[in-house]
Amino acid sequence: MKKVTHDQIVINEKLGDFFVDIAKLVFVGVVLSTLLDMAESKGFVLFIGTWSTVVLGAMGFIIYDKANYLKRRR
């Protein structure tokens, strides 16, 4: 069985936090861009922004959960 190091756990936690932060930034960007008068389709921008937020947030939480699992296994 492969031994889990403290560095691997910290890296997974930081990577999870990174993806959650990116998801928050994408969401704020989408909200702000729709408040401004845009020439692009607002529905399309909202769809892509919401989809990106959900995917990036899920990735962040999955990676963060993996770090917590590795902590408990140690």
Protein backbone atom coordinates (compact mmCIF):
# COMPACT_ATOMS: atom_id res chain seq x y z
CA MET A 1 0.00 0.00 0.00
CA LYS A 2 1.29 3.42 -0.94
CA LYS A 3 2.10 5.71 1.98
CA VAL A 4 0.43 9.11 1.90
CA THR A 5 2.64 12.03 2.85
CA HIS A 6 1.65 15.29 4.49
CA ASP A 7 2.80 17.16 1.37
CA GLN A 8 0.34 15.25 -0.83
CA ILE A 9 -2.52 16.13 1.50
CA VAL A 10 -1.59 19.82 1.55
CA ILE A 11 -1.30 19.91 -2.24
CA ASN A 12 -4.76 18.35 -2.64
CA GLU A 13 -6.27 20.84 -0.19
CA LYS A 14 -4.67 23.80 -1.99
CA LEU A 15 -5.75 22.47 -5.40
CA GLY A 16 -9.32 22.04 -4.15
CA ASP A 17 -9.32 25.59 -2.78
CA PHE A 18 -7.97 26.83 -6.12
CA PHE A 19 -10.81 25.28 -8.13
CA VAL A 20 -13.44 26.59 -5.71
CA ASP A 21 -11.93 30.09 -5.97
CA ILE A 22 -11.92 29.90 -9.77
CA ALA A 23 -15.58 28.82 -9.69
CA LYS A 24 -16.44 31.85 -7.54
CA LEU A 25 -14.57 34.18 -9.91
CA VAL A 26 -16.34 32.74 -12.95
CA PHE A 27 -19.72 33.15 -11.25
CA VAL A 28 -19.01 36.78 -10.33
CA GLY A 29 -17.76 37.45 -13.86
CA VAL A 30 -20.94 36.04 -15.36
CA VAL A 31 -23.18 38.03 -13.03
CA LEU A 32 -21.31 41.26 -13.69
CA SER A 33 -21.21 40.70 -17.44
CA THR A 34 -24.97 40.17 -17.58
CA LEU A 35 -25.58 43.35 -15.62
CA LEU A 36 -23.74 45.30 -18.30
CA ASP A 37 -25.29 45.82 -21.70
CA MET A 38 -23.81 43.08 -23.87
CA ALA A 39 -24.17 42.45 -27.57
CA GLU A 40 -23.85 38.68 -27.06
CA SER A 41 -26.74 36.43 -26.13
CA LYS A 42 -27.25 36.77 -22.37
CA GLY A 43 -28.78 33.30 -22.13
CA PHE A 44 -25.73 31.68 -23.69
CA VAL A 45 -23.34 33.58 -21.42
CA LEU A 46 -25.39 32.65 -18.34
CA PHE A 47 -25.49 29.00 -19.40
CA ILE A 48 -21.74 28.76 -20.00
CA GLY A 49 -20.96 30.68 -16.81
CA THR A 50 -23.27 28.58 -14.67
CA TRP A 51 -21.98 25.35 -16.20
CA SER A 52 -18.36 26.43 -15.63
CA THR A 53 -19.12 27.39 -12.04
CA VAL A 54 -20.73 24.04 -11.29
CA VAL A 55 -17.95 22.02 -12.95
CA LEU A 56 -15.09 23.96 -11.33
CA GLY A 57 -16.79 23.97 -7.94
CA ALA A 58 -17.42 20.23 -8.14
CA MET A 59 -13.79 19.60 -9.10
CA GLY A 60 -12.62 21.68 -6.15
CA PHE A 61 -14.85 19.88 -3.67
CA ILE A 62 -13.91 16.44 -5.04
CA ILE A 63 -10.20 17.20 -4.74
CA TYR A 64 -10.68 18.72 -1.29
CA ASP A 65 -12.68 15.67 -0.18
CA LYS A 66 -9.88 13.43 -1.47
CA ALA A 67 -7.41 15.34 0.71
CA ASN A 68 -9.64 14.85 3.75
CA TYR A 69 -9.97 11.14 2.94
CA LEU A 70 -6.19 10.85 2.76
CA LYS A 71 -5.89 12.60 6.13
CA ARG A 72 -8.24 10.14 7.78
CA ARG A 73 -6.48 7.16 6.17
CA ARG A 74 -3.10 8.26 7.47
